[in-house]
Amino acid sequence: MSDTGKKAEDVTIVRKVSALPALSKIKVEEPWRDEGSFHFQVNLSAENSPNGGFLKIGTVQANVPGCGAFELRCDEGSVIGGTDNAPAPLDYLSAGIAFCFLSHISFYINTAKLKVKNVRLEQQVRFKAEIDNMQSPEDQEPRKGVCEGIDTFVYVQSEEPRDIIEQMVTACRAACMGFQLAINAVPTEMTLIYNEP
């Protein structure tokens, strides 16, 4: 049975693999430090499933020692023709922001040796899509997708004074690359490689 026809429980959505496939145009470099900063990359190879539909399969790996490669499956909901057998792209994006922030919180708690019993968050990321046919060759102007906002509620159970916890949350929000991706305009480049293997 094809991947697009499998039931959700039959599909492995995330699995660890031995390595990121060789990349043709992206140079995977060594991470480096300067003036108190650590520069690194997260590299990805992804493609649509050969079986058609909205299923996508990708492998992702940071170029940081100790970070493994993972194969991810991604789909869309049935409302636009997907099979809903794996998270949608914006699910991964939203989860990535939240998980990145929680990693910073964990690091901060451990480094500052704070007495924190539990941290959890609830997050809502709001989007606007111009959905009539998503994107059509007849469009004179490209349709635009918009992120309309992110609301995050951070629940902290701790013996520490509130001002210490507020300082932690503020510092971690500023340090979180996921949040900063959403907060700041980020330079992007896209290059079409046409009919090359």
Protein backbone atom coordinates (compact mmCIF):
# COMPACT_ATOMS: atom_id res chain seq x y z
CA MET A 1 0.00 0.00 0.00
CA SER A 2 1.35 3.47 -0.82
CA ASP A 3 2.33 5.94 1.92
CA THR A 4 -0.60 8.15 0.99
CA GLY A 5 -3.03 5.27 1.55
CA LYS A 6 -1.72 4.07 4.91
CA LYS A 7 -3.59 4.65 8.10
CA ALA A 8 -1.99 7.05 10.61
CA GLU A 9 -0.96 4.24 12.98
CA ASP A 10 0.97 2.51 10.16
CA VAL A 11 3.17 5.51 9.37
CA THR A 12 6.38 6.29 11.23
CA ILE A 13 6.29 10.08 11.36
CA VAL A 14 9.75 10.65 12.87
CA ARG A 15 12.67 8.26 12.94
CA LYS A 16 16.37 8.64 13.56
CA VAL A 17 18.56 7.88 10.53
CA SER A 18 22.30 7.53 10.08
CA ALA A 19 22.97 10.85 8.30
CA LEU A 20 21.64 13.72 6.28
CA PRO A 21 21.73 12.85 2.56
CA ALA A 22 24.43 14.57 0.52
CA LEU A 23 23.30 18.07 -0.44
CA SER A 24 24.03 19.48 -3.91
CA LYS A 25 23.96 23.24 -3.41
CA ILE A 26 24.11 23.77 0.37
CA LYS A 27 27.50 23.63 2.02
CA VAL A 28 27.35 22.04 5.45
CA GLU A 29 29.99 23.88 7.47
CA GLU A 30 31.48 23.40 10.89
CA PRO A 31 29.82 25.44 13.66
CA TRP A 32 31.96 28.31 14.89
CA ARG A 33 32.25 30.83 17.72
CA ASP A 34 33.05 34.52 17.83
CA GLU A 35 32.76 37.13 20.59
CA GLY A 36 30.49 35.02 22.75
CA SER A 37 28.27 33.82 19.87
CA PHE A 38 27.82 30.31 18.51
CA HIS A 39 26.99 30.03 14.80
CA PHE A 40 25.39 26.86 13.48
CA GLN A 41 23.08 25.59 10.75
CA VAL A 42 20.07 23.32 10.55
CA ASN A 43 20.15 21.64 7.15
CA LEU A 44 17.26 19.89 5.42
CA SER A 45 16.67 17.76 2.37
CA ALA A 46 12.97 17.28 1.52
CA GLU A 47 10.80 16.18 -1.36
CA ASN A 48 7.24 15.36 -2.23
CA SER A 49 6.36 11.70 -2.01
CA PRO A 50 6.61 9.98 -5.41
CA ASN A 51 3.11 8.64 -4.72
CA GLY A 52 1.63 12.10 -5.16
CA GLY A 53 -0.66 13.95 -2.80
CA PHE A 54 0.60 16.23 -0.06
CA LEU A 55 2.89 13.79 1.74
CA LYS A 56 6.43 15.13 2.09
CA ILE A 57 9.49 13.30 3.40
CA GLY A 58 12.56 15.13 4.64
CA THR A 59 15.74 14.59 6.60
CA VAL A 60 16.95 17.28 8.97
CA GLN A 61 20.15 17.66 10.96
CA ALA A 62 21.93 20.46 12.77
CA ASN A 63 25.66 20.72 12.10
CA VAL A 64 26.36 20.55 15.84
CA PRO A 65 28.26 17.59 17.32
CA GLY A 66 25.87 15.31 19.17
CA CYS A 67 22.85 16.24 17.02
CA GLY A 68 21.58 13.31 14.98
CA ALA A 69 19.74 13.19 11.66
CA PHE A 70 16.00 12.56 11.64
CA GLU A 71 13.63 11.65 8.84
CA LEU A 72 10.30 13.44 9.14
CA ARG A 73 7.02 12.91 7.37
CA CYS A 74 4.72 15.84 6.78
CA ASP A 75 1.22 15.93 5.32
CA GLU A 76 -1.77 18.24 5.09
CA GLY A 77 -5.25 17.91 6.44
CA SER A 78 -7.99 16.39 4.35
CA VAL A 79 -9.62 19.81 3.90
CA ILE A 80 -7.08 20.58 1.15
CA GLY A 81 -6.56 17.05 -0.12
CA GLY A 82 -4.02 15.58 2.28
CA THR A 83 -4.43 12.33 4.17
CA ASP A 84 -3.84 13.83 7.65
CA ASN A 85 -1.33 11.04 8.42
CA ALA A 86 1.43 13.35 9.71
CA PRO A 87 1.72 16.89 11.06
CA ALA A 88 1.28 19.72 8.58
CA PRO A 89 4.16 22.12 7.84
CA LEU A 90 2.77 24.86 10.08
CA ASP A 91 2.33 22.30 12.89
CA TYR A 92 6.08 21.67 12.76
CA LEU A 93 6.82 25.39 12.62
CA SER A 94 4.58 26.13 15.61
CA ALA A 95 5.93 23.21 17.61
CA GLY A 96 9.49 24.21 16.74
CA ILE A 97 9.02 27.68 18.22
CA ALA A 98 7.54 26.24 21.42
CA PHE A 99 10.14 23.48 21.77
CA CYS A 100 13.03 25.87 21.13
CA PHE A 101 11.73 28.18 23.87
CA LEU A 102 11.35 25.27 26.31
CA SER A 103 14.94 24.20 25.58
CA HIS A 104 16.13 27.68 26.54
CA ILE A 105 14.03 27.52 29.71
CA SER A 106 15.57 24.15 30.65
CA PHE A 107 19.08 25.45 30.03
CA TYR A 108 18.41 28.60 32.08
CA ILE A 109 16.96 26.62 35.01
CA ASN A 110 19.94 24.25 35.05
CA THR A 111 22.53 27.01 34.69
CA ALA A 112 20.98 29.27 37.35
CA LYS A 113 20.14 26.27 39.57
CA LEU A 114 16.60 27.55 40.04
CA LYS A 115 14.06 25.66 42.14
CA VAL A 116 11.48 25.00 39.45
CA LYS A 117 9.12 22.05 39.75
CA ASN A 118 7.48 22.24 36.34
CA VAL A 119 7.22 24.38 33.21
CA ARG A 120 4.65 23.92 30.50
CA LEU A 121 3.25 26.20 27.89
CA GLU A 122 0.19 26.68 25.76
CA GLN A 123 0.69 28.43 22.47
CA GLN A 124 -1.52 29.60 19.64
CA VAL A 125 -0.04 30.69 16.33
CA ARG A 126 -2.56 32.42 14.09
CA PHE A 127 -2.26 32.40 10.31
CA LYS A 128 -4.15 33.87 7.38
CA ALA A 129 -4.17 32.02 4.06
CA GLU A 130 -5.66 33.27 0.83
CA ILE A 131 -7.09 29.86 0.12
CA ASP A 132 -9.01 30.02 -3.16
CA ASN A 133 -6.98 27.38 -5.01
CA MET A 134 -4.04 28.33 -2.74
CA GLN A 135 -1.97 29.60 -5.68
CA SER A 136 -3.10 29.64 -9.27
CA PRO A 137 -1.14 30.21 -12.51
CA GLU A 138 -3.82 32.77 -13.43
CA ASP A 139 -2.97 35.00 -10.46
CA GLN A 140 -1.60 38.38 -11.51
CA GLU A 141 -0.12 38.93 -8.05
CA PRO A 142 1.17 36.14 -5.82
CA ARG A 143 -1.16 35.25 -2.97
CA LYS A 144 0.33 36.03 0.41
CA GLY A 145 0.31 33.96 3.55
CA VAL A 146 0.44 35.86 6.81
CA CYS A 147 1.30 34.97 10.38
CA GLU A 148 -1.13 37.11 12.36
CA GLY A 149 0.39 36.55 15.79
CA ILE A 150 1.67 34.19 18.46
CA ASP A 151 0.16 34.01 21.94
CA THR A 152 2.13 32.03 24.52
CA PHE A 153 1.12 31.22 28.08
CA VAL A 154 4.00 29.97 30.24
CA TYR A 155 2.99 28.03 33.36
CA VAL A 156 5.76 27.82 35.96
CA GLN A 157 5.58 26.06 39.33
CA SER A 158 8.48 27.28 41.43
CA GLU A 159 9.68 28.24 44.89
CA GLU A 160 11.58 31.17 43.35
CA PRO A 161 10.25 34.75 43.65
CA ARG A 162 8.08 35.91 40.76
CA ASP A 163 10.62 38.52 39.58
CA ILE A 164 13.28 35.80 39.14
CA ILE A 165 10.87 33.73 37.02
CA GLU A 166 9.86 36.80 35.00
CA GLN A 167 13.54 37.51 34.35
CA MET A 168 13.99 33.91 33.18
CA VAL A 169 11.03 34.06 30.78
CA THR A 170 12.14 37.42 29.34
CA ALA A 171 15.73 36.25 28.86
CA CYS A 172 14.68 32.98 27.24
CA ARG A 173 12.23 34.68 24.87
CA ALA A 174 15.03 37.00 23.71
CA ALA A 175 17.48 34.09 23.33
CA CYS A 176 15.04 31.73 21.58
CA MET A 177 15.89 31.56 17.87
CA GLY A 178 12.42 30.18 17.13
CA PHE A 179 10.74 33.26 18.58
CA GLN A 180 13.29 35.56 16.97
CA LEU A 181 12.53 34.01 13.59
CA ALA A 182 8.91 35.06 14.08
CA ILE A 183 9.65 38.46 15.64
CA ASN A 184 12.25 39.79 13.21
CA ALA A 185 12.40 40.09 9.46
CA VAL A 186 14.85 37.39 8.36
CA PRO A 187 16.81 37.59 5.09
CA THR A 188 15.88 34.70 2.81
CA GLU A 189 17.07 33.52 -0.57
CA MET A 190 15.37 31.10 -2.94
CA THR A 191 17.04 29.71 -6.07
CA LEU A 192 15.33 27.61 -8.71
CA ILE A 193 17.46 24.71 -9.97
CA TYR A 194 15.73 23.75 -13.21
CA ASN A 195 16.18 20.31 -14.84
CA GLU A 196 19.36 19.43 -12.96
CA PRO A 197 19.57 15.97 -11.43
